[in-house]
């Protein structure tokens, strides 16, 4: 068994995503799943029901008539939005700080993941004209492996963080201290969760500096979002601002005007997402 799989097994003994999240993930990947299947799962989680109905009746959507039916609410916001809401809710609880450390902060990591997810969704929709739901979900999940390492191998993980600076990559240090890295761990967990293959690949590759993936791929979008949010101070680790892979630089330069507008709008979009998904301070 690989080191990554051993760490994941230990983590799952400590804490795992709620059953409703994993069930929704399976339904998303099931072509035969119906809206009623989603409704039946949601009914089992009263907190998610309240959040769903509160959201669909909020000013964000501006409906003239109130929706009180779970089925109608799911149909209105869409299955992927519902899934993203459930994942975000579950991860916020896991990201809660338990032990303080001057080296690593779960709160800082959560803000980083939230910022990357929102920025990635904006890039997908505004720059490339595609649906941003998967980009959002990938952004929330991309660094989840760091939390797994911190819970299972805290001393070794903090030693890797301590050694991390502006001139080295955290994944190299993770391999040195833990024998694996958060990209591999996150990738294996998304396999278990039946996430789309594009999300699996992006999580696996989001620290790669060399590759043939285009800017519009989910991997490219996450790397651009990490670079932008890193420049704005939303970093996962202290003194470790992600670099933009060289082959993505021409794309950013060519579309600089569009990206400048996107960056200006980012705070407002983060506020909207906080109302919709509950992102923000953990």
Foldseek 3Di string as FASTA:
>chain_A
DALLVVLVVVLVVVDDQDPLLLQLLVLVLDPPRDLVSNLVSQVVPVVLLVLLQCQQPDVLPPDPDRDDDSSVSCVVVDSLLSSLLSVLVRVVVLLDDDDDDPWAHSQLQLLLLLQLLLQLQCCLCQVVNHHSSLLNSLSNQLQVLLSSCCVRVVVLSSVLSVPDAAPDDSQVSCCVRRVGGSLVSSLVVCVSSNHDPLSSVLSNCLQPLDDDDDCNRSNNSSNVSQQLVLVVPSHRTPNYRRDRRPVCVVVCVVCVVSVVVSSVCSVVSSVSVCSSRVGDGD
